[in-house]
Amino acid sequence: MSGIYPKEICCPGCMTTFTRTRVKVQTCPNCGNRFDKPPKGKDEITRFLGNPAEYLQRLVIPETEADLAKLTLRLSVVSLLISFWIRVPIFYKAAILAGVAMPVASLMLMSLYKGVVTLFKHDGSTKKPNLFMVFVFPSIALGLRAASDYNVLSLRPALLPIILLTGIASFVVFRSAKDIIKQKWLIVFVIPVAALLSYGVAVQANCLLDYSPAVIHEVRVTAKNVEESTGRHRRHYYYIKTSPWLPGVCIGNIEVSKTEYDRCEVGGAVLVNQNSGLLNAPWYYVGQPNIHLR
């Protein structure tokens, strides 16, 4: 691994950091102080107190492949937690931002440690740095979250950013993660994941960062129904159908919250708020009905 530096130890006397040896008694080259090699935890505290900035830098920038494996393991755990956070989500914008940061961090690490960091742990070793969970789990969570949260009338204006982001992410993975060559199935796996990530980022940016004034349409509710998912943990999905508010555009079932569903009455009115979108991809959401058509 290029850029690997030997393990270092901090002298408790003059706080000088130097390369440690295998012998038990260490000799500081600066002050000549001789001391027993301290336990790992105590040495970490000594190094932090001696130079906090340098310690934090070494904590973020791995020195060895083993340190890099520990870093990717920590990021994998964090990515798994963030993926569940996106699923909830509490503090929506923070969850989305954290979900975007994880795949971006994985692409940066792949580029910085090209040939060392793998995408998939194909040999079963826990000591090999890999970024499978960091890249894949938040990407899927972001894509599914965007698909379930926003009703986009036309995704055509956002197709170019989605294609560009998909191409960039796929190129970085193929160029940097050398295990792709050994595991051919990863080639057809990476592109859909990169597309989900790009779709999630583009749709979230288009809708979440859209501060344009909404055009409000008053439409009639023509039908409403509830669907129940199968499986151990069943979930209810609430849908309404409305009369069209755009010429030539047929809107099917619109998923709404239970509160909004209970407020809607068949034959009554509902307000549809339509926004232009940051990427010019128009989207809409159903607001609280406060007028009834006669």
C-alpha atoms as a PDB file:
ATOM      1  CA  MET A   1       0.000   0.000   0.000  1.00  0.00           C
ATOM      2  CA  SER A   2       1.450   3.321  -1.016  1.00  0.00           C
ATOM      3  CA  GLY A   3       1.639   5.927   1.720  1.00  0.00           C
ATOM      4  CA  ILE A   4       1.955   3.393   4.584  1.00  0.00           C
ATOM      5  CA  TYR A   5       3.993   4.733   7.497  1.00  0.00           C
ATOM      6  CA  PRO A   6       5.339   2.656  10.408  1.00  0.00           C
ATOM      7  CA  LYS A   7       3.547   2.780  13.710  1.00  0.00           C
ATOM      8  CA  GLU A   8       4.710   5.580  15.947  1.00  0.00           C
ATOM      9  CA  ILE A   9       4.842   6.115  19.674  1.00  0.00           C
ATOM     10  CA  CYS A  10       4.836   9.279  21.766  1.00  0.00           C
ATOM     11  CA  CYS A  11       7.467   9.951  24.441  1.00  0.00           C
ATOM     12  CA  PRO A  12       5.711  10.826  27.723  1.00  0.00           C
ATOM     13  CA  GLY A  13       8.617  13.103  28.673  1.00  0.00           C
ATOM     14  CA  CYS A  14       9.117  15.491  25.748  1.00  0.00           C
ATOM     15  CA  MET A  15       6.013  14.478  23.751  1.00  0.00           C
ATOM     16  CA  THR A  16       8.177  13.635  20.718  1.00  0.00           C
ATOM     17  CA  THR A  17       6.620  11.150  18.316  1.00  0.00           C
ATOM     18  CA  PHE A  18       8.975   8.544  16.859  1.00  0.00           C
ATOM     19  CA  THR A  19       8.898   5.130  15.235  1.00  0.00           C
ATOM     20  CA  ARG A  20       8.495   2.423  17.816  1.00  0.00           C
ATOM     21  CA  THR A  21      10.474  -0.807  17.786  1.00  0.00           C
ATOM     22  CA  ARG A  22       9.552  -4.337  18.699  1.00  0.00           C
ATOM     23  CA  VAL A  23      11.516  -4.303  21.966  1.00  0.00           C
ATOM     24  CA  LYS A  24       9.712  -3.637  25.225  1.00  0.00           C
ATOM     25  CA  VAL A  25      11.908  -0.730  26.388  1.00  0.00           C
ATOM     26  CA  GLN A  26      11.739   2.295  24.073  1.00  0.00           C
ATOM     27  CA  THR A  27      14.393   5.034  23.855  1.00  0.00           C
ATOM     28  CA  CYS A  28      13.384   8.546  22.779  1.00  0.00           C
ATOM     29  CA  PRO A  29      15.817   9.870  20.119  1.00  0.00           C
ATOM     30  CA  ASN A  30      15.183  13.466  21.258  1.00  0.00           C
ATOM     31  CA  CYS A  31      15.624  13.410  25.031  1.00  0.00           C
ATOM     32  CA  GLY A  32      17.071   9.928  25.555  1.00  0.00           C
ATOM     33  CA  ASN A  33      14.274   8.990  27.910  1.00  0.00           C
ATOM     34  CA  ARG A  34      13.854   5.229  28.303  1.00  0.00           C
ATOM     35  CA  PHE A  35      10.426   3.885  29.086  1.00  0.00           C
ATOM     36  CA  ASP A  36       8.422   0.739  28.716  1.00  0.00           C
ATOM     37  CA  LYS A  37       6.135   0.559  25.717  1.00  0.00           C
ATOM     38  CA  PRO A  38       2.794   1.651  27.224  1.00  0.00           C
ATOM     39  CA  PRO A  39      -0.489  -0.142  26.667  1.00  0.00           C
ATOM     40  CA  LYS A  40      -2.285   0.865  23.502  1.00  0.00           C
ATOM     41  CA  GLY A  41      -5.018   2.844  25.244  1.00  0.00           C
ATOM     42  CA  LYS A  42      -2.622   4.788  27.450  1.00  0.00           C
ATOM     43  CA  ASP A  43      -0.357   5.535  24.491  1.00  0.00           C
ATOM     44  CA  GLU A  44      -3.307   6.886  22.522  1.00  0.00           C
ATOM     45  CA  ILE A  45      -4.150   9.283  25.367  1.00  0.00           C
ATOM     46  CA  THR A  46      -0.517  10.422  25.606  1.00  0.00           C
ATOM     47  CA  ARG A  47      -0.329  11.092  21.863  1.00  0.00           C
ATOM     48  CA  PHE A  48      -3.595  13.040  21.929  1.00  0.00           C
ATOM     49  CA  LEU A  49      -2.483  15.237  24.846  1.00  0.00           C
ATOM     50  CA  GLY A  50       0.885  15.820  23.210  1.00  0.00           C
ATOM     51  CA  ASN A  51      -0.473  17.031  19.866  1.00  0.00           C
ATOM     52  CA  PRO A  52      -4.268  16.919  19.469  1.00  0.00           C
ATOM     53  CA  ALA A  53      -4.239  18.246  15.880  1.00  0.00           C
ATOM     54  CA  GLU A  54      -1.731  15.659  14.713  1.00  0.00           C
ATOM     55  CA  TYR A  55      -3.574  12.898  16.536  1.00  0.00           C
ATOM     56  CA  LEU A  56      -6.899  13.775  14.938  1.00  0.00           C
ATOM     57  CA  GLN A  57      -5.231  13.967  11.524  1.00  0.00           C
ATOM     58  CA  ARG A  58      -3.835  10.473  11.929  1.00  0.00           C
ATOM     59  CA  LEU A  59      -7.220   9.265  13.130  1.00  0.00           C
ATOM     60  CA  VAL A  60      -8.847  10.488   9.911  1.00  0.00           C
ATOM     61  CA  ILE A  61      -5.974   9.638   7.539  1.00  0.00           C
ATOM     62  CA  PRO A  62      -5.068   5.936   7.910  1.00  0.00           C
ATOM     63  CA  GLU A  63      -1.383   5.054   8.153  1.00  0.00           C
ATOM     64  CA  THR A  64      -1.587   1.354   7.327  1.00  0.00           C
ATOM     65  CA  GLU A  65      -3.900  -0.982   5.481  1.00  0.00           C
ATOM     66  CA  ALA A  66      -5.118  -2.310   8.833  1.00  0.00           C
ATOM     67  CA  ASP A  67      -6.006   1.228   9.925  1.00  0.00           C
ATOM     68  CA  LEU A  68      -7.785   1.742   6.627  1.00  0.00           C
ATOM     69  CA  ALA A  69      -9.770  -1.450   7.203  1.00  0.00           C
ATOM     70  CA  LYS A  70     -10.809  -0.163  10.638  1.00  0.00           C
ATOM     71  CA  LEU A  71     -11.877   3.140   9.101  1.00  0.00           C
ATOM     72  CA  THR A  72     -14.002   1.446   6.425  1.00  0.00           C
ATOM     73  CA  LEU A  73     -15.545  -0.791   9.094  1.00  0.00           C
ATOM     74  CA  ARG A  74     -16.557   2.257  11.133  1.00  0.00           C
ATOM     75  CA  LEU A  75     -17.964   3.927   8.038  1.00  0.00           C
ATOM     76  CA  SER A  76     -19.905   0.753   7.224  1.00  0.00           C
ATOM     77  CA  VAL A  77     -21.568   0.776  10.634  1.00  0.00           C
ATOM     78  CA  VAL A  78     -22.357   4.489  10.334  1.00  0.00           C
ATOM     79  CA  SER A  79     -23.764   3.953   6.822  1.00  0.00           C
ATOM     80  CA  LEU A  80     -26.037   1.181   8.061  1.00  0.00           C
ATOM     81  CA  LEU A  81     -27.383   3.437  10.812  1.00  0.00           C
ATOM     82  CA  ILE A  82     -27.850   6.328   8.373  1.00  0.00           C
ATOM     83  CA  SER A  83     -29.751   4.045   5.988  1.00  0.00           C
ATOM     84  CA  PHE A  84     -32.209   3.229   8.778  1.00  0.00           C
ATOM     85  CA  TRP A  85     -32.331   6.943   9.657  1.00  0.00           C
ATOM     86  CA  ILE A  86     -33.317   7.787   6.079  1.00  0.00           C
ATOM     87  CA  ARG A  87     -36.022   5.155   6.294  1.00  0.00           C
ATOM     88  CA  VAL A  88     -37.646   6.766   9.370  1.00  0.00           C
ATOM     89  CA  PRO A  89     -36.769   9.735   8.895  1.00  0.00           C
ATOM     90  CA  ILE A  90     -36.308  12.135  11.810  1.00  0.00           C
ATOM     91  CA  PHE A  91     -34.737  15.510  10.951  1.00  0.00           C
ATOM     92  CA  TYR A  92     -35.376  14.890   7.264  1.00  0.00           C
ATOM     93  CA  LYS A  93     -32.833  17.268   5.717  1.00  0.00           C
ATOM     94  CA  ALA A  94     -30.045  16.121   8.009  1.00  0.00           C
ATOM     95  CA  ALA A  95     -30.826  12.478   7.192  1.00  0.00           C
ATOM     96  CA  ILE A  96     -30.724  13.139   3.447  1.00  0.00           C
ATOM     97  CA  LEU A  97     -27.477  15.117   3.745  1.00  0.00           C
ATOM     98  CA  ALA A  98     -25.855  12.320   5.750  1.00  0.00           C
ATOM     99  CA  GLY A  99     -27.096   9.772   3.219  1.00  0.00           C
ATOM    100  CA  VAL A 100     -25.469  11.701   0.374  1.00  0.00           C
ATOM    101  CA  ALA A 101     -22.222  12.160   2.305  1.00  0.00           C
ATOM    102  CA  MET A 102     -21.600   8.424   2.787  1.00  0.00           C
ATOM    103  CA  PRO A 103     -21.473   7.381  -0.912  1.00  0.00           C
ATOM    104  CA  VAL A 104     -19.448  10.497  -1.724  1.00  0.00           C
ATOM    105  CA  ALA A 105     -16.971   9.563   1.021  1.00  0.00           C
ATOM    106  CA  SER A 106     -16.746   6.028  -0.362  1.00  0.00           C
ATOM    107  CA  LEU A 107     -15.942   7.327  -3.861  1.00  0.00           C
ATOM    108  CA  MET A 108     -13.278   9.644  -2.434  1.00  0.00           C
ATOM    109  CA  LEU A 109     -11.649   6.811  -0.484  1.00  0.00           C
ATOM    110  CA  MET A 110     -11.683   4.576  -3.553  1.00  0.00           C
ATOM    111  CA  SER A 111      -9.882   7.282  -5.505  1.00  0.00           C
ATOM    112  CA  LEU A 112      -7.346   8.059  -2.762  1.00  0.00           C
ATOM    113  CA  TYR A 113      -6.528   4.413  -2.043  1.00  0.00           C
ATOM    114  CA  LYS A 114      -6.891   3.021  -5.539  1.00  0.00           C
ATOM    115  CA  GLY A 115      -6.109  -0.670  -5.691  1.00  0.00           C
ATOM    116  CA  VAL A 116      -6.210  -1.082  -1.905  1.00  0.00           C
ATOM    117  CA  VAL A 117      -9.839  -0.384  -1.028  1.00  0.00           C
ATOM    118  CA  THR A 118     -12.233  -2.871  -2.582  1.00  0.00           C
ATOM    119  CA  LEU A 119     -15.952  -2.553  -3.166  1.00  0.00           C
ATOM    120  CA  PHE A 120     -16.823  -6.086  -2.115  1.00  0.00           C
ATOM    121  CA  LYS A 121     -15.125  -8.321   0.443  1.00  0.00           C
ATOM    122  CA  HIS A 122     -14.718 -11.197  -2.002  1.00  0.00           C
ATOM    123  CA  ASP A 123     -12.127 -13.198  -0.026  1.00  0.00           C
ATOM    124  CA  GLY A 124     -14.084 -13.152   3.246  1.00  0.00           C
ATOM    125  CA  SER A 125     -11.310 -11.362   5.127  1.00  0.00           C
ATOM    126  CA  THR A 126     -12.357  -8.803   7.716  1.00  0.00           C
ATOM    127  CA  LYS A 127      -8.943  -7.107   7.517  1.00  0.00           C
ATOM    128  CA  LYS A 128      -9.345  -5.996   3.917  1.00  0.00           C
ATOM    129  CA  PRO A 129     -10.773  -2.484   3.567  1.00  0.00           C
ATOM    130  CA  ASN A 130     -14.004  -2.535   1.575  1.00  0.00           C
ATOM    131  CA  LEU A 131     -16.752   0.006   1.032  1.00  0.00           C
ATOM    132  CA  PHE A 132     -19.688  -2.143  -0.023  1.00  0.00           C
ATOM    133  CA  MET A 133     -22.061  -1.005   2.725  1.00  0.00           C
ATOM    134  CA  VAL A 134     -20.855   2.598   2.577  1.00  0.00           C
ATOM    135  CA  PHE A 135     -21.596   2.900  -1.144  1.00  0.00           C
ATOM    136  CA  VAL A 136     -24.593   0.597  -1.571  1.00  0.00           C
ATOM    137  CA  PHE A 137     -26.885   0.941   1.449  1.00  0.00           C
ATOM    138  CA  PRO A 138     -27.282   4.763   1.564  1.00  0.00           C
ATOM    139  CA  SER A 139     -27.591   4.864  -2.245  1.00  0.00           C
ATOM    140  CA  ILE A 140     -30.524   2.460  -2.203  1.00  0.00           C
ATOM    141  CA  ALA A 141     -32.101   4.240   0.773  1.00  0.00           C
ATOM    142  CA  LEU A 142     -31.843   7.627  -0.964  1.00  0.00           C
ATOM    143  CA  GLY A 143     -33.377   6.337  -4.184  1.00  0.00           C
ATOM    144  CA  LEU A 144     -36.296   4.640  -2.445  1.00  0.00           C
ATOM    145  CA  ARG A 145     -36.889   7.655  -0.204  1.00  0.00           C
ATOM    146  CA  ALA A 146     -37.046  10.030  -3.159  1.00  0.00           C
ATOM    147  CA  ALA A 147     -39.396   7.722  -5.075  1.00  0.00           C
ATOM    148  CA  SER A 148     -41.817   7.436  -2.157  1.00  0.00           C
ATOM    149  CA  ASP A 149     -41.749  11.063  -0.991  1.00  0.00           C
ATOM    150  CA  TYR A 150     -42.174  13.094  -4.169  1.00  0.00           C
ATOM    151  CA  ASN A 151     -44.619  13.070  -7.059  1.00  0.00           C
ATOM    152  CA  VAL A 152     -42.654  14.251 -10.089  1.00  0.00           C
ATOM    153  CA  LEU A 153     -44.780  15.064 -13.126  1.00  0.00           C
ATOM    154  CA  SER A 154     -41.896  14.872 -15.610  1.00  0.00           C
ATOM    155  CA  LEU A 155     -38.372  13.673 -14.890  1.00  0.00           C
ATOM    156  CA  ARG A 156     -37.105  14.558 -18.363  1.00  0.00           C
ATOM    157  CA  PRO A 157     -35.409  17.864 -17.363  1.00  0.00           C
ATOM    158  CA  ALA A 158     -33.459  16.021 -14.644  1.00  0.00           C
ATOM    159  CA  LEU A 159     -32.329  13.118 -16.849  1.00  0.00           C
ATOM    160  CA  LEU A 160     -29.052  14.777 -17.859  1.00  0.00           C
ATOM    161  CA  PRO A 161     -27.860  15.332 -14.257  1.00  0.00           C
ATOM    162  CA  ILE A 162     -28.921  11.782 -13.365  1.00  0.00           C
ATOM    163  CA  ILE A 163     -27.008  10.290 -16.303  1.00  0.00           C
ATOM    164  CA  LEU A 164     -23.921  12.404 -15.575  1.00  0.00           C
ATOM    165  CA  LEU A 165     -23.891  11.472 -11.873  1.00  0.00           C
ATOM    166  CA  THR A 166     -24.405   7.805 -12.719  1.00  0.00           C
ATOM    167  CA  GLY A 167     -21.522   7.891 -15.179  1.00  0.00           C
ATOM    168  CA  ILE A 168     -19.174   9.653 -12.754  1.00  0.00           C
ATOM    169  CA  ALA A 169     -19.943   7.314  -9.854  1.00  0.00           C
ATOM    170  CA  SER A 170     -19.628   4.201 -12.028  1.00  0.00           C
ATOM    171  CA  PHE A 171     -16.358   5.442 -13.555  1.00  0.00           C
ATOM    172  CA  VAL A 172     -14.799   6.068 -10.126  1.00  0.00           C
ATOM    173  CA  VAL A 173     -15.807   2.607  -8.892  1.00  0.00           C
ATOM    174  CA  PHE A 174     -14.621   0.778 -12.022  1.00  0.00           C
ATOM    175  CA  ARG A 175     -11.355   2.708 -12.102  1.00  0.00           C
ATOM    176  CA  SER A 176     -10.510   2.457  -8.413  1.00  0.00           C
ATOM    177  CA  ALA A 177     -12.008  -0.770  -7.037  1.00  0.00           C
ATOM    178  CA  LYS A 178      -9.845  -3.460  -8.641  1.00  0.00           C
ATOM    179  CA  ASP A 179     -11.975  -6.318  -7.300  1.00  0.00           C
ATOM    180  CA  ILE A 180     -14.519  -5.451 -10.004  1.00  0.00           C
ATOM    181  CA  ILE A 181     -12.274  -7.277 -12.480  1.00  0.00           C
ATOM    182  CA  LYS A 182     -12.284 -10.448 -10.367  1.00  0.00           C
ATOM    183  CA  GLN A 183     -15.995 -10.328  -9.635  1.00  0.00           C
ATOM    184  CA  LYS A 184     -17.722  -9.828 -12.988  1.00  0.00           C
ATOM    185  CA  TRP A 185     -21.203  -9.706 -11.462  1.00  0.00           C
ATOM    186  CA  LEU A 186     -20.264  -6.467  -9.701  1.00  0.00           C
ATOM    187  CA  ILE A 187     -20.139  -4.708 -13.080  1.00  0.00           C
ATOM    188  CA  VAL A 188     -23.887  -5.132 -13.624  1.00  0.00           C
ATOM    189  CA  PHE A 189     -24.519  -4.446  -9.931  1.00  0.00           C
ATOM    190  CA  VAL A 190     -22.687  -1.123  -9.639  1.00  0.00           C
ATOM    191  CA  ILE A 191     -24.503   0.730 -12.438  1.00  0.00           C
ATOM    192  CA  PRO A 192     -28.048   0.279 -11.015  1.00  0.00           C
ATOM    193  CA  VAL A 193     -26.823   1.288  -7.542  1.00  0.00           C
ATOM    194  CA  ALA A 194     -25.106   4.360  -8.999  1.00  0.00           C
ATOM    195  CA  ALA A 195     -28.313   5.159 -10.897  1.00  0.00           C
ATOM    196  CA  LEU A 196     -30.359   4.890  -7.680  1.00  0.00           C
ATOM    197  CA  LEU A 197     -27.915   7.203  -5.934  1.00  0.00           C
ATOM    198  CA  SER A 198     -28.052   9.711  -8.803  1.00  0.00           C
ATOM    199  CA  TYR A 199     -31.845   9.542  -8.971  1.00  0.00           C
ATOM    200  CA  GLY A 200     -32.150  10.095  -5.218  1.00  0.00           C
ATOM    201  CA  VAL A 201     -29.728  13.031  -5.235  1.00  0.00           C
ATOM    202  CA  ALA A 202     -31.356  14.663  -8.281  1.00  0.00           C
ATOM    203  CA  VAL A 203     -34.949  14.294  -7.050  1.00  0.00           C
ATOM    204  CA  GLN A 204     -34.096  15.426  -3.522  1.00  0.00           C
ATOM    205  CA  ALA A 205     -32.262  18.464  -4.884  1.00  0.00           C
ATOM    206  CA  ASN A 206     -35.088  19.231  -7.302  1.00  0.00           C
ATOM    207  CA  CYS A 207     -37.808  19.109  -4.653  1.00  0.00           C
ATOM    208  CA  LEU A 208     -36.170  19.676  -1.282  1.00  0.00           C
ATOM    209  CA  LEU A 209     -34.230  22.746  -2.459  1.00  0.00           C
ATOM    210  CA  ASP A 210     -37.091  24.150  -4.513  1.00  0.00           C
ATOM    211  CA  TYR A 211     -38.265  27.438  -3.017  1.00  0.00           C
ATOM    212  CA  SER A 212     -40.332  28.581  -5.993  1.00  0.00           C
ATOM    213  CA  PRO A 213     -43.936  29.640  -5.266  1.00  0.00           C
ATOM    214  CA  ALA A 214     -46.453  26.849  -5.721  1.00  0.00           C
ATOM    215  CA  VAL A 215     -49.298  26.988  -8.205  1.00  0.00           C
ATOM    216  CA  ILE A 216     -52.399  25.798  -6.352  1.00  0.00           C
ATOM    217  CA  HIS A 217     -55.029  23.719  -8.181  1.00  0.00           C
ATOM    218  CA  GLU A 218     -58.393  22.930  -6.674  1.00  0.00           C
ATOM    219  CA  VAL A 219     -59.531  19.480  -7.818  1.00  0.00           C
ATOM    220  CA  ARG A 220     -62.267  17.054  -6.940  1.00  0.00           C
ATOM    221  CA  VAL A 221     -61.586  13.739  -5.164  1.00  0.00           C
ATOM    222  CA  THR A 222     -63.056  10.979  -7.334  1.00  0.00           C
ATOM    223  CA  ALA A 223     -61.994   7.919  -5.302  1.00  0.00           C
ATOM    224  CA  LYS A 224     -59.971   6.829  -2.306  1.00  0.00           C
ATOM    225  CA  ASN A 225     -58.630   3.470  -1.199  1.00  0.00           C
ATOM    226  CA  VAL A 226     -56.268   1.814   1.274  1.00  0.00           C
ATOM    227  CA  GLU A 227     -53.746  -0.889   0.398  1.00  0.00           C
ATOM    228  CA  GLU A 228     -52.031  -3.182   2.876  1.00  0.00           C
ATOM    229  CA  SER A 229     -48.572  -4.615   2.372  1.00  0.00           C
ATOM    230  CA  THR A 230     -47.862  -8.287   2.889  1.00  0.00           C
ATOM    231  CA  GLY A 231     -45.312  -9.731   5.245  1.00  0.00           C
ATOM    232  CA  ARG A 232     -44.648  -9.867   8.950  1.00  0.00           C
ATOM    233  CA  HIS A 233     -44.719  -6.115   9.511  1.00  0.00           C
ATOM    234  CA  ARG A 234     -47.765  -4.941   7.621  1.00  0.00           C
ATOM    235  CA  ARG A 235     -48.103  -1.357   6.559  1.00  0.00           C
ATOM    236  CA  HIS A 236     -51.041   0.616   5.186  1.00  0.00           C
ATOM    237  CA  TYR A 237     -50.770   2.870   2.147  1.00  0.00           C
ATOM    238  CA  TYR A 238     -53.388   5.559   1.557  1.00  0.00           C
ATOM    239  CA  TYR A 239     -54.326   6.713  -1.951  1.00  0.00           C
ATOM    240  CA  ILE A 240     -56.743   9.158  -3.503  1.00  0.00           C
ATOM    241  CA  LYS A 241     -57.762   9.822  -7.096  1.00  0.00           C
ATOM    242  CA  THR A 242     -58.555  13.294  -8.318  1.00  0.00           C
ATOM    243  CA  SER A 243     -59.915  14.979 -11.393  1.00  0.00           C
ATOM    244  CA  PRO A 244     -57.152  16.127 -13.801  1.00  0.00           C
ATOM    245  CA  TRP A 245     -55.740  19.619 -13.327  1.00  0.00           C
ATOM    246  CA  LEU A 246     -53.382  19.641 -16.302  1.00  0.00           C
ATOM    247  CA  PRO A 247     -54.519  19.166 -19.899  1.00  0.00           C
ATOM    248  CA  GLY A 248     -53.318  15.921 -21.423  1.00  0.00           C
ATOM    249  CA  VAL A 249     -51.849  14.643 -18.132  1.00  0.00           C
ATOM    250  CA  CYS A 250     -53.523  11.663 -16.483  1.00  0.00           C
ATOM    251  CA  ILE A 251     -52.707  11.310 -12.784  1.00  0.00           C
ATOM    252  CA  GLY A 252     -53.277   7.914 -11.207  1.00  0.00           C
ATOM    253  CA  ASN A 253     -53.346   7.120  -7.523  1.00  0.00           C
ATOM    254  CA  ILE A 254     -51.776   9.778  -5.323  1.00  0.00           C
ATOM    255  CA  GLU A 255     -50.289   8.507  -2.071  1.00  0.00           C
ATOM    256  CA  VAL A 256     -51.127  10.704   0.915  1.00  0.00           C
ATOM    257  CA  SER A 257     -50.688  10.539   4.662  1.00  0.00           C
ATOM    258  CA  LYS A 258     -53.361   8.968   6.867  1.00  0.00           C
ATOM    259  CA  THR A 259     -54.258  12.402   8.228  1.00  0.00           C
ATOM    260  CA  GLU A 260     -54.741  13.789   4.724  1.00  0.00           C
ATOM    261  CA  TYR A 261     -56.638  10.659   3.695  1.00  0.00           C
ATOM    262  CA  ASP A 262     -59.097  11.041   6.572  1.00  0.00           C
ATOM    263  CA  ARG A 263     -59.683  14.678   5.638  1.00  0.00           C
ATOM    264  CA  CYS A 264     -60.510  13.886   2.020  1.00  0.00           C
ATOM    265  CA  GLU A 265     -64.054  12.997   1.030  1.00  0.00           C
ATOM    266  CA  VAL A 266     -65.141  11.516  -2.281  1.00  0.00           C
ATOM    267  CA  GLY A 267     -66.787  14.345  -4.204  1.00  0.00           C
ATOM    268  CA  GLY A 268     -65.102  16.938  -2.028  1.00  0.00           C
ATOM    269  CA  ALA A 269     -62.229  19.236  -2.924  1.00  0.00           C
ATOM    270  CA  VAL A 270     -58.533  18.951  -2.336  1.00  0.00           C
ATOM    271  CA  LEU A 271     -55.741  21.412  -3.021  1.00  0.00           C
ATOM    272  CA  VAL A 272     -52.855  20.262  -5.191  1.00  0.00           C
ATOM    273  CA  ASN A 273     -49.700  22.358  -4.912  1.00  0.00           C
ATOM    274  CA  GLN A 274     -47.499  22.247  -8.006  1.00  0.00           C
ATOM    275  CA  ASN A 275     -43.899  23.521  -7.969  1.00  0.00           C
ATOM    276  CA  SER A 276     -41.516  24.073 -10.872  1.00  0.00           C
ATOM    277  CA  GLY A 277     -38.541  22.284  -9.266  1.00  0.00           C
ATOM    278  CA  LEU A 278     -34.907  23.340  -8.849  1.00  0.00           C
ATOM    279  CA  LEU A 279     -33.921  21.274 -11.921  1.00  0.00           C
ATOM    280  CA  ASN A 280     -37.102  22.345 -13.776  1.00  0.00           C
ATOM    281  CA  ALA A 281     -38.713  18.960 -13.155  1.00  0.00           C
ATOM    282  CA  PRO A 282     -42.273  19.869 -12.042  1.00  0.00           C
ATOM    283  CA  TRP A 283     -43.599  18.087  -8.963  1.00  0.00           C
ATOM    284  CA  TYR A 284     -46.667  18.331  -6.778  1.00  0.00           C
ATOM    285  CA  TYR A 285     -48.038  17.464  -3.376  1.00  0.00           C
ATOM    286  CA  VAL A 286     -51.530  17.346  -1.914  1.00  0.00           C
ATOM    287  CA  GLY A 287     -52.358  20.055   0.597  1.00  0.00           C
ATOM    288  CA  GLN A 288     -55.091  20.254   3.158  1.00  0.00           C
ATOM    289  CA  PRO A 289     -58.496  20.732   1.489  1.00  0.00           C
ATOM    290  CA  ASN A 290     -60.367  23.755   2.802  1.00  0.00           C
ATOM    291  CA  ILE A 291     -62.949  24.332   0.065  1.00  0.00           C
ATOM    292  CA  HIS A 292     -65.724  21.996  -1.131  1.00  0.00           C
ATOM    293  CA  LEU A 293     -66.869  21.972  -4.748  1.00  0.00           C
ATOM    294  CA  ARG A 294     -70.574  22.255  -5.331  1.00  0.00           C
END
